[in-house]
Amino acid sequence: MDISISDFGSAAKRVTLKGKLDIAGAQKIELPLATLAGTRSNIVIDMAGVDFIASIGIRQLVMAAKAVARGAGRLVLLAPTPPVADVIVTSGLLDLLPMVRTEDEARTALAR
């Protein structure tokens, strides 16, 4: 799992993930994602490069989303691959982990 963090305009941070969000991947993103979520600012997680997500990966995303929400921020998942999107939908987490297809949709979701 590769993780990079950059600005997403002035309204959010962008977290780009590439690889498998399995046990090893979740361990790799745990500290940087928790640190960023602790700032309670908006986060866009670019999931286009994630081809697998395990329950431990979902846990990391949920914990980050809850931390951001405590500060009135939002976390959105950008362009998740079909297998990852299916897992999020099946898990019933769309309210907590909203998914968008484009950067424009992400900006709109963050503005709500």
PDB file of N, CA and C in Angstrom:
ATOM      1  N   MET A   1       0.840  -1.174   0.000  1.00  0.00           N
ATOM      2  CA  MET A   1       0.000   0.000   0.000  1.00  0.00           C
ATOM      3  C   MET A   1       0.887   1.239   0.000  1.00  0.00           C
ATOM      4  N   ASP A   2       0.601   2.126  -0.923  1.00  0.00           N
ATOM      5  CA  ASP A   2       1.270   3.420  -0.964  1.00  0.00           C
ATOM      6  C   ASP A   2       0.256   4.481  -0.546  1.00  0.00           C
ATOM      7  N   ILE A   3       0.708   5.457   0.229  1.00  0.00           N
ATOM      8  CA  ILE A   3      -0.143   6.558   0.667  1.00  0.00           C
ATOM      9  C   ILE A   3       0.585   7.866   0.431  1.00  0.00           C
ATOM     10  N   SER A   4      -0.144   8.835  -0.125  1.00  0.00           N
ATOM     11  CA  SER A   4       0.413  10.182  -0.258  1.00  0.00           C
ATOM     12  C   SER A   4      -0.677  11.175   0.127  1.00  0.00           C
ATOM     13  N   ILE A   5      -0.259  12.288   0.695  1.00  0.00           N
ATOM     14  CA  ILE A   5      -1.189  13.310   1.165  1.00  0.00           C
ATOM     15  C   ILE A   5      -0.827  14.623   0.499  1.00  0.00           C
ATOM     16  N   SER A   6      -1.841  15.284  -0.032  1.00  0.00           N
ATOM     17  CA  SER A   6      -1.638  16.566  -0.696  1.00  0.00           C
ATOM     18  C   SER A   6      -2.863  17.442  -0.449  1.00  0.00           C
ATOM     19  N   ASP A   7      -2.792  18.696  -0.906  1.00  0.00           N
ATOM     20  CA  ASP A   7      -3.933  19.593  -0.765  1.00  0.00           C
ATOM     21  C   ASP A   7      -4.971  19.270  -1.829  1.00  0.00           C
ATOM     22  N   PHE A   8      -6.231  19.432  -1.459  1.00  0.00           N
ATOM     23  CA  PHE A   8      -7.357  19.303  -2.387  1.00  0.00           C
ATOM     24  C   PHE A   8      -8.042  20.658  -2.381  1.00  0.00           C
ATOM     25  N   GLY A   9      -7.426  21.591  -3.072  1.00  0.00           N
ATOM     26  CA  GLY A   9      -7.885  22.970  -2.996  1.00  0.00           C
ATOM     27  C   GLY A   9      -7.617  23.502  -1.598  1.00  0.00           C
ATOM     28  N   SER A  10      -8.379  24.505  -1.200  1.00  0.00           N
ATOM     29  CA  SER A  10      -8.191  25.062   0.137  1.00  0.00           C
ATOM     30  C   SER A  10      -9.151  24.440   1.145  1.00  0.00           C
ATOM     31  N   ALA A  11     -10.064  23.592   0.662  1.00  0.00           N
ATOM     32  CA  ALA A  11     -11.125  23.078   1.522  1.00  0.00           C
ATOM     33  C   ALA A  11     -10.841  21.712   2.134  1.00  0.00           C
ATOM     34  N   ALA A  12      -9.798  21.037   1.657  1.00  0.00           N
ATOM     35  CA  ALA A  12      -9.606  19.654   2.121  1.00  0.00           C
ATOM     36  C   ALA A  12      -8.186  19.179   1.856  1.00  0.00           C
ATOM     37  N   LYS A  13      -7.904  18.009   2.402  1.00  0.00           N
ATOM     38  CA  LYS A  13      -6.673  17.282   2.088  1.00  0.00           C
ATOM     39  C   LYS A  13      -7.047  16.073   1.254  1.00  0.00           C
ATOM     40  N   ARG A  14      -6.164  15.709   0.349  1.00  0.00           N
ATOM     41  CA  ARG A  14      -6.374  14.542  -0.501  1.00  0.00           C
ATOM     42  C   ARG A  14      -5.409  13.450  -0.047  1.00  0.00           C
ATOM     43  N   VAL A  15      -5.959  12.274   0.213  1.00  0.00           N
ATOM     44  CA  VAL A  15      -5.170  11.100   0.561  1.00  0.00           C
ATOM     45  C   VAL A  15      -5.282  10.148  -0.609  1.00  0.00           C
ATOM     46  N   THR A  16      -4.177   9.864  -1.260  1.00  0.00           N
ATOM     47  CA  THR A  16      -4.187   8.954  -2.402  1.00  0.00           C
ATOM     48  C   THR A  16      -3.631   7.609  -1.950  1.00  0.00           C
ATOM     49  N   LEU A  17      -4.436   6.572  -2.136  1.00  0.00           N
ATOM     50  CA  LEU A  17      -4.046   5.216  -1.766  1.00  0.00           C
ATOM     51  C   LEU A  17      -3.872   4.366  -3.013  1.00  0.00           C
ATOM     52  N   LYS A  18      -2.844   3.526  -3.015  1.00  0.00           N
ATOM     53  CA  LYS A  18      -2.608   2.603  -4.130  1.00  0.00           C
ATOM     54  C   LYS A  18      -2.182   1.265  -3.566  1.00  0.00           C
ATOM     55  N   GLY A  19      -2.877   0.207  -3.980  1.00  0.00           N
ATOM     56  CA  GLY A  19      -2.527  -1.133  -3.526  1.00  0.00           C
ATOM     57  C   GLY A  19      -3.693  -1.810  -2.849  1.00  0.00           C
ATOM     58  N   LYS A  20      -3.381  -2.756  -2.001  1.00  0.00           N
ATOM     59  CA  LYS A  20      -4.397  -3.524  -1.285  1.00  0.00           C
ATOM     60  C   LYS A  20      -4.557  -2.980   0.133  1.00  0.00           C
ATOM     61  N   LEU A  21      -5.798  -2.747   0.506  1.00  0.00           N
ATOM     62  CA  LEU A  21      -6.080  -2.269   1.858  1.00  0.00           C
ATOM     63  C   LEU A  21      -6.435  -3.481   2.721  1.00  0.00           C
ATOM     64  N   ASP A  22      -5.431  -4.347   2.863  1.00  0.00           N
ATOM     65  CA  ASP A  22      -5.540  -5.548   3.679  1.00  0.00           C
ATOM     66  C   ASP A  22      -4.878  -5.261   5.030  1.00  0.00           C
ATOM     67  N   ILE A  23      -4.493  -6.274   5.763  1.00  0.00           N
ATOM     68  CA  ILE A  23      -3.874  -6.059   7.081  1.00  0.00           C
ATOM     69  C   ILE A  23      -2.616  -5.198   6.971  1.00  0.00           C
ATOM     70  N   ALA A  24      -1.734  -5.555   6.052  1.00  0.00           N
ATOM     71  CA  ALA A  24      -0.485  -4.798   5.898  1.00  0.00           C
ATOM     72  C   ALA A  24      -0.763  -3.374   5.426  1.00  0.00           C
ATOM     73  N   GLY A  25      -1.702  -3.223   4.490  1.00  0.00           N
ATOM     74  CA  GLY A  25      -2.046  -1.896   3.981  1.00  0.00           C
ATOM     75  C   GLY A  25      -2.665  -1.027   5.060  1.00  0.00           C
ATOM     76  N   ALA A  26      -3.556  -1.619   5.855  1.00  0.00           N
ATOM     77  CA  ALA A  26      -4.203  -0.872   6.935  1.00  0.00           C
ATOM     78  C   ALA A  26      -3.180  -0.400   7.965  1.00  0.00           C
ATOM     79  N   GLN A  27      -2.196  -1.239   8.254  1.00  0.00           N
ATOM     80  CA  GLN A  27      -1.149  -0.841   9.199  1.00  0.00           C
ATOM     81  C   GLN A  27      -0.334   0.320   8.651  1.00  0.00           C
ATOM     82  N   LYS A  28      -0.107   0.309   7.345  1.00  0.00           N
ATOM     83  CA  LYS A  28       0.710   1.367   6.742  1.00  0.00           C
ATOM     84  C   LYS A  28      -0.001   2.725   6.742  1.00  0.00           C
ATOM     85  N   ILE A  29      -1.331   2.716   6.577  1.00  0.00           N
ATOM     86  CA  ILE A  29      -2.052   3.992   6.525  1.00  0.00           C
ATOM     87  C   ILE A  29      -2.564   4.453   7.884  1.00  0.00           C
ATOM     88  N   GLU A  30      -2.510   3.591   8.886  1.00  0.00           N
ATOM     89  CA  GLU A  30      -3.124   3.885  10.185  1.00  0.00           C
ATOM     90  C   GLU A  30      -2.651   5.211  10.784  1.00  0.00           C
ATOM     91  N   LEU A  31      -1.371   5.387  10.968  1.00  0.00           N
ATOM     92  CA  LEU A  31      -0.855   6.599  11.613  1.00  0.00           C
ATOM     93  C   LEU A  31      -1.060   7.854  10.764  1.00  0.00           C
ATOM     94  N   PRO A  32      -0.675   7.849   9.470  1.00  0.00           N
ATOM     95  CA  PRO A  32      -0.882   9.089   8.712  1.00  0.00           C
ATOM     96  C   PRO A  32      -2.357   9.477   8.598  1.00  0.00           C
ATOM     97  N   LEU A  33      -3.239   8.489   8.434  1.00  0.00           N
ATOM     98  CA  LEU A  33      -4.661   8.801   8.293  1.00  0.00           C
ATOM     99  C   LEU A  33      -5.240   9.285   9.619  1.00  0.00           C
ATOM    100  N   ALA A  34      -4.868   8.652  10.710  1.00  0.00           N
ATOM    101  CA  ALA A  34      -5.357   9.080  12.028  1.00  0.00           C
ATOM    102  C   ALA A  34      -4.859  10.486  12.364  1.00  0.00           C
ATOM    103  N   THR A  35      -3.624  10.770  12.034  1.00  0.00           N
ATOM    104  CA  THR A  35      -3.060  12.099  12.286  1.00  0.00           C
ATOM    105  C   THR A  35      -3.824  13.159  11.502  1.00  0.00           C
ATOM    106  N   LEU A  36      -4.066  12.880  10.232  1.00  0.00           N
ATOM    107  CA  LEU A  36      -4.805  13.824   9.392  1.00  0.00           C
ATOM    108  C   LEU A  36      -6.247  13.967   9.878  1.00  0.00           C
ATOM    109  N   ALA A  37      -6.897  12.870  10.203  1.00  0.00           N
ATOM    110  CA  ALA A  37      -8.282  12.920  10.681  1.00  0.00           C
ATOM    111  C   ALA A  37      -8.385  13.686  11.995  1.00  0.00           C
ATOM    112  N   GLY A  38      -7.334  13.622  12.797  1.00  0.00           N
ATOM    113  CA  GLY A  38      -7.314  14.337  14.062  1.00  0.00           C
ATOM    114  C   GLY A  38      -7.368  15.842  13.907  1.00  0.00           C
ATOM    115  N   THR A  39      -7.008  16.350  12.743  1.00  0.00           N
ATOM    116  CA  THR A  39      -7.117  17.787  12.484  1.00  0.00           C
ATOM    117  C   THR A  39      -8.561  18.189  12.248  1.00  0.00           C
ATOM    118  N   ARG A  40      -9.406  17.184  11.999  1.00  0.00           N
ATOM    119  CA  ARG A  40     -10.846  17.354  11.796  1.00  0.00           C
ATOM    120  C   ARG A  40     -11.180  18.245  10.615  1.00  0.00           C
ATOM    121  N   SER A  41     -10.301  18.272   9.629  1.00  0.00           N
ATOM    122  CA  SER A  41     -10.605  18.996   8.400  1.00  0.00           C
ATOM    123  C   SER A  41     -11.123  18.001   7.365  1.00  0.00           C
ATOM    124  N   ASN A  42     -11.707  18.524   6.311  1.00  0.00           N
ATOM    125  CA  ASN A  42     -12.250  17.679   5.252  1.00  0.00           C
ATOM    126  C   ASN A  42     -11.156  16.821   4.620  1.00  0.00           C
ATOM    127  N   ILE A  43     -11.532  15.588   4.270  1.00  0.00           N
ATOM    128  CA  ILE A  43     -10.592  14.659   3.635  1.00  0.00           C
ATOM    129  C   ILE A  43     -11.253  14.015   2.429  1.00  0.00           C
ATOM    130  N   VAL A  44     -10.523  13.988   1.322  1.00  0.00           N
ATOM    131  CA  VAL A  44     -10.925  13.254   0.132  1.00  0.00           C
ATOM    132  C   VAL A  44      -9.936  12.104  -0.002  1.00  0.00           C
ATOM    133  N   ILE A  45     -10.444  10.871   0.037  1.00  0.00           N
ATOM    134  CA  ILE A  45      -9.570   9.711  -0.108  1.00  0.00           C
ATOM    135  C   ILE A  45      -9.730   9.165  -1.516  1.00  0.00           C
ATOM    136  N   ASP A  46      -8.681   9.313  -2.308  1.00  0.00           N
ATOM    137  CA  ASP A  46      -8.672   8.828  -3.682  1.00  0.00           C
ATOM    138  C   ASP A  46      -8.445   7.317  -3.658  1.00  0.00           C
ATOM    139  N   MET A  47      -9.484   6.569  -4.002  1.00  0.00           N
ATOM    140  CA  MET A  47      -9.463   5.111  -3.923  1.00  0.00           C
ATOM    141  C   MET A  47      -9.309   4.449  -5.293  1.00  0.00           C
ATOM    142  N   ALA A  48      -9.026   5.217  -6.329  1.00  0.00           N
ATOM    143  CA  ALA A  48      -8.947   4.661  -7.683  1.00  0.00           C
ATOM    144  C   ALA A  48      -7.869   3.589  -7.810  1.00  0.00           C
ATOM    145  N   GLY A  49      -6.843   3.652  -6.986  1.00  0.00           N
ATOM    146  CA  GLY A  49      -5.754   2.692  -7.059  1.00  0.00           C
ATOM    147  C   GLY A  49      -5.860   1.544  -6.067  1.00  0.00           C
ATOM    148  N   VAL A  50      -7.008   1.436  -5.376  1.00  0.00           N
ATOM    149  CA  VAL A  50      -7.196   0.366  -4.390  1.00  0.00           C
ATOM    150  C   VAL A  50      -8.036  -0.733  -5.025  1.00  0.00           C
ATOM    151  N   ASP A  51      -7.449  -1.920  -5.163  1.00  0.00           N
ATOM    152  CA  ASP A  51      -8.168  -3.006  -5.826  1.00  0.00           C
ATOM    153  C   ASP A  51      -8.722  -4.045  -4.865  1.00  0.00           C
ATOM    154  N   PHE A  52      -8.470  -3.887  -3.565  1.00  0.00           N
ATOM    155  CA  PHE A  52      -8.978  -4.827  -2.560  1.00  0.00           C
ATOM    156  C   PHE A  52      -9.088  -4.107  -1.231  1.00  0.00           C
ATOM    157  N   ILE A  53     -10.168  -4.383  -0.498  1.00  0.00           N
ATOM    158  CA  ILE A  53     -10.311  -3.823   0.844  1.00  0.00           C
ATOM    159  C   ILE A  53     -10.831  -4.918   1.778  1.00  0.00           C
ATOM    160  N   ALA A  54     -10.161  -5.064   2.902  1.00  0.00           N
ATOM    161  CA  ALA A  54     -10.561  -6.026   3.928  1.00  0.00           C
ATOM    162  C   ALA A  54     -11.256  -5.265   5.054  1.00  0.00           C
ATOM    163  N   SER A  55     -11.827  -5.999   5.985  1.00  0.00           N
ATOM    164  CA  SER A  55     -12.548  -5.365   7.088  1.00  0.00           C
ATOM    165  C   SER A  55     -11.647  -4.437   7.895  1.00  0.00           C
ATOM    166  N   ILE A  56     -10.385  -4.768   8.046  1.00  0.00           N
ATOM    167  CA  ILE A  56      -9.460  -3.916   8.787  1.00  0.00           C
ATOM    168  C   ILE A  56      -9.234  -2.590   8.042  1.00  0.00           C
ATOM    169  N   GLY A  57      -9.276  -2.631   6.729  1.00  0.00           N
ATOM    170  CA  GLY A  57      -9.175  -1.406   5.932  1.00  0.00           C
ATOM    171  C   GLY A  57     -10.413  -0.539   6.085  1.00  0.00           C
ATOM    172  N   ILE A  58     -11.571  -1.194   6.095  1.00  0.00           N
ATOM    173  CA  ILE A  58     -12.823  -0.466   6.321  1.00  0.00           C
ATOM    174  C   ILE A  58     -12.780   0.205   7.687  1.00  0.00           C
ATOM    175  N   ARG A  59     -12.259  -0.503   8.665  1.00  0.00           N
ATOM    176  CA  ARG A  59     -12.166   0.044  10.024  1.00  0.00           C
ATOM    177  C   ARG A  59     -11.357   1.338  10.043  1.00  0.00           C
ATOM    178  N   GLN A  60     -10.244   1.364   9.329  1.00  0.00           N
ATOM    179  CA  GLN A  60      -9.422   2.584   9.287  1.00  0.00           C
ATOM    180  C   GLN A  60     -10.203   3.744   8.686  1.00  0.00           C
ATOM    181  N   LEU A  61     -10.945   3.474   7.617  1.00  0.00           N
ATOM    182  CA  LEU A  61     -11.726   4.530   6.972  1.00  0.00           C
ATOM    183  C   LEU A  61     -12.846   5.024   7.884  1.00  0.00           C
ATOM    184  N   VAL A  62     -13.523   4.106   8.548  1.00  0.00           N
ATOM    185  CA  VAL A  62     -14.618   4.469   9.449  1.00  0.00           C
ATOM    186  C   VAL A  62     -14.102   5.300  10.618  1.00  0.00           C
ATOM    187  N   MET A  63     -12.996   4.889  11.211  1.00  0.00           N
ATOM    188  CA  MET A  63     -12.433   5.648  12.332  1.00  0.00           C
ATOM    189  C   MET A  63     -12.052   7.065  11.895  1.00  0.00           C
ATOM    190  N   ALA A  64     -11.466   7.188  10.714  1.00  0.00           N
ATOM    191  CA  ALA A  64     -11.101   8.513  10.204  1.00  0.00           C
ATOM    192  C   ALA A  64     -12.346   9.353   9.942  1.00  0.00           C
ATOM    193  N   ALA A  65     -13.371   8.755   9.342  1.00  0.00           N
ATOM    194  CA  ALA A  65     -14.601   9.489   9.041  1.00  0.00           C
ATOM    195  C   ALA A  65     -15.265   9.987  10.325  1.00  0.00           C
ATOM    196  N   LYS A  66     -15.288   9.168  11.357  1.00  0.00           N
ATOM    197  CA  LYS A  66     -15.891   9.571  12.628  1.00  0.00           C
ATOM    198  C   LYS A  66     -15.098  10.697  13.285  1.00  0.00           C
ATOM    199  N   ALA A  67     -13.775  10.625  13.215  1.00  0.00           N
ATOM    200  CA  ALA A  67     -12.943  11.686  13.796  1.00  0.00           C
ATOM    201  C   ALA A  67     -13.169  13.008  13.074  1.00  0.00           C
ATOM    202  N   VAL A  68     -13.226  12.963  11.763  1.00  0.00           N
ATOM    203  CA  VAL A  68     -13.452  14.179  10.969  1.00  0.00           C
ATOM    204  C   VAL A  68     -14.834  14.753  11.271  1.00  0.00           C
ATOM    205  N   ALA A  69     -15.840  13.881  11.389  1.00  0.00           N
ATOM    206  CA  ALA A  69     -17.213  14.331  11.643  1.00  0.00           C
ATOM    207  C   ALA A  69     -17.344  15.012  13.004  1.00  0.00           C
ATOM    208  N   ARG A  70     -16.548  14.599  13.971  1.00  0.00           N
ATOM    209  CA  ARG A  70     -16.599  15.243  15.299  1.00  0.00           C
ATOM    210  C   ARG A  70     -16.224  16.718  15.210  1.00  0.00           C
ATOM    211  N   GLY A  71     -15.487  17.079  14.202  1.00  0.00           N
ATOM    212  CA  GLY A  71     -15.117  18.475  14.009  1.00  0.00           C
ATOM    213  C   GLY A  71     -15.931  19.147  12.929  1.00  0.00           C
ATOM    214  N   ALA A  72     -17.054  18.562  12.558  1.00  0.00           N
ATOM    215  CA  ALA A  72     -17.960  19.085  11.524  1.00  0.00           C
ATOM    216  C   ALA A  72     -17.345  19.021  10.129  1.00  0.00           C
ATOM    217  N   GLY A  73     -16.311  18.218   9.954  1.00  0.00           N
ATOM    218  CA  GLY A  73     -15.746  18.012   8.627  1.00  0.00           C
ATOM    219  C   GLY A  73     -16.405  16.830   7.946  1.00  0.00           C
ATOM    220  N   ARG A  74     -15.985  16.573   6.723  1.00  0.00           N
ATOM    221  CA  ARG A  74     -16.520  15.445   5.964  1.00  0.00           C
ATOM    222  C   ARG A  74     -15.369  14.657   5.363  1.00  0.00           C
ATOM    223  N   LEU A  75     -15.601  13.374   5.205  1.00  0.00           N
ATOM    224  CA  LEU A  75     -14.662  12.497   4.518  1.00  0.00           C
ATOM    225  C   LEU A  75     -15.429  11.858   3.372  1.00  0.00           C
ATOM    226  N   VAL A  76     -14.872  11.933   2.159  1.00  0.00           N
ATOM    227  CA  VAL A  76     -15.502  11.292   1.003  1.00  0.00           C
ATOM    228  C   VAL A  76     -14.489  10.401   0.305  1.00  0.00           C
ATOM    229  N   LEU A  77     -14.998   9.335  -0.304  1.00  0.00           N
ATOM    230  CA  LEU A  77     -14.166   8.409  -1.075  1.00  0.00           C
ATOM    231  C   LEU A  77     -14.306   8.760  -2.544  1.00  0.00           C
ATOM    232  N   LEU A  78     -13.172   9.043  -3.181  1.00  0.00           N
ATOM    233  CA  LEU A  78     -13.158   9.437  -4.588  1.00  0.00           C
ATOM    234  C   LEU A  78     -12.818   8.249  -5.472  1.00  0.00           C
ATOM    235  N   ALA A  79     -13.697   7.974  -6.419  1.00  0.00           N
ATOM    236  CA  ALA A  79     -13.474   6.989  -7.483  1.00  0.00           C
ATOM    237  C   ALA A  79     -13.050   5.610  -7.004  1.00  0.00           C
ATOM    238  N   PRO A  80     -13.788   5.036  -6.042  1.00  0.00           N
ATOM    239  CA  PRO A  80     -13.416   3.675  -5.630  1.00  0.00           C
ATOM    240  C   PRO A  80     -13.636   2.694  -6.780  1.00  0.00           C
ATOM    241  N   THR A  81     -12.790   1.689  -6.859  1.00  0.00           N
ATOM    242  CA  THR A  81     -12.940   0.665  -7.893  1.00  0.00           C
ATOM    243  C   THR A  81     -14.218  -0.128  -7.603  1.00  0.00           C
ATOM    244  N   PRO A  82     -14.794  -0.776  -8.624  1.00  0.00           N
ATOM    245  CA  PRO A  82     -16.040  -1.533  -8.397  1.00  0.00           C
ATOM    246  C   PRO A  82     -15.977  -2.548  -7.253  1.00  0.00           C
ATOM    247  N   PRO A  83     -14.894  -3.326  -7.115  1.00  0.00           N
ATOM    248  CA  PRO A  83     -14.881  -4.261  -5.979  1.00  0.00           C
ATOM    249  C   PRO A  83     -14.911  -3.555  -4.618  1.00  0.00           C
ATOM    250  N   VAL A  84     -14.212  -2.437  -4.507  1.00  0.00           N
ATOM    251  CA  VAL A  84     -14.183  -1.685  -3.247  1.00  0.00           C
ATOM    252  C   VAL A  84     -15.547  -1.030  -3.005  1.00  0.00           C
ATOM    253  N   ALA A  85     -16.128  -0.447  -4.040  1.00  0.00           N
ATOM    254  CA  ALA A  85     -17.449   0.176  -3.905  1.00  0.00           C
ATOM    255  C   ALA A  85     -18.485  -0.851  -3.468  1.00  0.00           C
ATOM    256  N   ASP A  86     -18.426  -2.048  -4.025  1.00  0.00           N
ATOM    257  CA  ASP A  86     -19.367  -3.106  -3.648  1.00  0.00           C
ATOM    258  C   ASP A  86     -19.265  -3.436  -2.159  1.00  0.00           C
ATOM    259  N   VAL A  87     -18.048  -3.496  -1.647  1.00  0.00           N
ATOM    260  CA  VAL A  87     -17.849  -3.807  -0.225  1.00  0.00           C
ATOM    261  C   VAL A  87     -18.428  -2.698   0.648  1.00  0.00           C
ATOM    262  N   ILE A  88     -18.208  -1.446   0.275  1.00  0.00           N
ATOM    263  CA  ILE A  88     -18.725  -0.315   1.058  1.00  0.00           C
ATOM    264  C   ILE A  88     -20.256  -0.341   1.057  1.00  0.00           C
ATOM    265  N   VAL A  89     -20.842  -0.561  -0.110  1.00  0.00           N
ATOM    266  CA  VAL A  89     -22.305  -0.605  -0.216  1.00  0.00           C
ATOM    267  C   VAL A  89     -22.867  -1.773   0.586  1.00  0.00           C
ATOM    268  N   THR A  90     -22.287  -2.956   0.405  1.00  0.00           N
ATOM    269  CA  THR A  90     -22.753  -4.156   1.109  1.00  0.00           C
ATOM    270  C   THR A  90     -22.631  -4.002   2.617  1.00  0.00           C
ATOM    271  N   SER A  91     -21.629  -3.273   3.059  1.00  0.00           N
ATOM    272  CA  SER A  91     -21.412  -3.056   4.493  1.00  0.00           C
ATOM    273  C   SER A  91     -22.391  -2.043   5.085  1.00  0.00           C
ATOM    274  N   GLY A  92     -23.133  -1.360   4.230  1.00  0.00           N
ATOM    275  CA  GLY A  92     -24.094  -0.370   4.709  1.00  0.00           C
ATOM    276  C   GLY A  92     -23.459   0.897   5.234  1.00  0.00           C
ATOM    277  N   LEU A  93     -22.330   1.274   4.661  1.00  0.00           N
ATOM    278  CA  LEU A  93     -21.572   2.417   5.183  1.00  0.00           C
ATOM    279  C   LEU A  93     -21.630   3.667   4.306  1.00  0.00           C
ATOM    280  N   LEU A  94     -22.571   3.729   3.374  1.00  0.00           N
ATOM    281  CA  LEU A  94     -22.614   4.873   2.459  1.00  0.00           C
ATOM    282  C   LEU A  94     -22.857   6.204   3.166  1.00  0.00           C
ATOM    283  N   ASP A  95     -23.616   6.200   4.247  1.00  0.00           N
ATOM    284  CA  ASP A  95     -23.848   7.458   4.962  1.00  0.00           C
ATOM    285  C   ASP A  95     -22.569   7.974   5.609  1.00  0.00           C
ATOM    286  N   LEU A  96     -21.771   7.078   6.135  1.00  0.00           N
ATOM    287  CA  LEU A  96     -20.531   7.449   6.807  1.00  0.00           C
ATOM    288  C   LEU A  96     -19.376   7.628   5.822  1.00  0.00           C
ATOM    289  N   LEU A  97     -19.374   6.827   4.749  1.00  0.00           N
ATOM    290  CA  LEU A  97     -18.310   6.872   3.741  1.00  0.00           C
ATOM    291  C   LEU A  97     -18.918   7.135   2.361  1.00  0.00           C
ATOM    292  N   PRO A  98     -19.375   8.368   2.129  1.00  0.00           N
ATOM    293  CA  PRO A  98     -19.984   8.655   0.825  1.00  0.00           C
ATOM    294  C   PRO A  98     -18.957   8.510  -0.302  1.00  0.00           C
ATOM    295  N   MET A  99     -19.439   8.015  -1.431  1.00  0.00           N
ATOM    296  CA  MET A  99     -18.571   7.800  -2.587  1.00  0.00           C
ATOM    297  C   MET A  99     -18.947   8.767  -3.704  1.00  0.00           C
ATOM    298  N   VAL A 100     -17.926   9.310  -4.360  1.00  0.00           N
ATOM    299  CA  VAL A 100     -18.117  10.187  -5.510  1.00  0.00           C
ATOM    300  C   VAL A 100     -17.219   9.699  -6.639  1.00  0.00           C
ATOM    301  N   ARG A 101     -17.602  10.049  -7.864  1.00  0.00           N
ATOM    302  CA  ARG A 101     -16.838   9.579  -9.031  1.00  0.00           C
ATOM    303  C   ARG A 101     -15.799  10.580  -9.513  1.00  0.00           C
ATOM    304  N   THR A 102     -16.066  11.869  -9.326  1.00  0.00           N
ATOM    305  CA  THR A 102     -15.179  12.889  -9.880  1.00  0.00           C
ATOM    306  C   THR A 102     -14.744  13.882  -8.806  1.00  0.00           C
ATOM    307  N   GLU A 103     -13.718  14.654  -9.121  1.00  0.00           N
ATOM    308  CA  GLU A 103     -13.263  15.689  -8.195  1.00  0.00           C
ATOM    309  C   GLU A 103     -14.322  16.754  -7.995  1.00  0.00           C
ATOM    310  N   ASP A 104     -15.073  17.084  -9.059  1.00  0.00           N
ATOM    311  CA  ASP A 104     -16.152  18.065  -8.925  1.00  0.00           C
ATOM    312  C   ASP A 104     -17.223  17.568  -7.969  1.00  0.00           C
ATOM    313  N   GLU A 105     -17.580  16.275  -8.060  1.00  0.00           N
ATOM    314  CA  GLU A 105     -18.549  15.699  -7.135  1.00  0.00           C
ATOM    315  C   GLU A 105     -18.009  15.742  -5.705  1.00  0.00           C
ATOM    316  N   ALA A 106     -16.712  15.552  -5.544  1.00  0.00           N
ATOM    317  CA  ALA A 106     -16.107  15.605  -4.220  1.00  0.00           C
ATOM    318  C   ALA A 106     -16.236  17.020  -3.646  1.00  0.00           C
ATOM    319  N   ARG A 107     -15.962  18.015  -4.458  1.00  0.00           N
ATOM    320  CA  ARG A 107     -16.087  19.411  -3.988  1.00  0.00           C
ATOM    321  C   ARG A 107     -17.520  19.713  -3.566  1.00  0.00           C
ATOM    322  N   THR A 108     -18.484  19.225  -4.364  1.00  0.00           N
ATOM    323  CA  THR A 108     -19.890  19.447  -4.037  1.00  0.00           C
ATOM    324  C   THR A 108     -20.255  18.743  -2.737  1.00  0.00           C
ATOM    325  N   ALA A 109     -19.791  17.508  -2.561  1.00  0.00           N
ATOM    326  CA  ALA A 109     -20.093  16.757  -1.336  1.00  0.00           C
ATOM    327  C   ALA A 109     -19.499  17.435  -0.106  1.00  0.00           C
ATOM    328  N   LEU A 110     -18.323  18.014  -0.249  1.00  0.00           N
ATOM    329  CA  LEU A 110     -17.682  18.686   0.889  1.00  0.00           C
ATOM    330  C   LEU A 110     -18.374  19.998   1.241  1.00  0.00           C
ATOM    331  N   ALA A 111     -19.010  20.617   0.254  1.00  0.00           N
ATOM    332  CA  ALA A 111     -19.656  21.906   0.481  1.00  0.00           C
ATOM    333  C   ALA A 111     -20.988  21.769   1.220  1.00  0.00           C
ATOM    334  N   ARG A 112     -21.527  20.561   1.307  1.00  0.00           N
ATOM    335  CA  ARG A 112     -22.838  20.368   1.971  1.00  0.00           C
ATOM    336  C   ARG A 112     -22.754  20.619   3.447  1.00  0.00           C
TER     337      ARG A 112
END
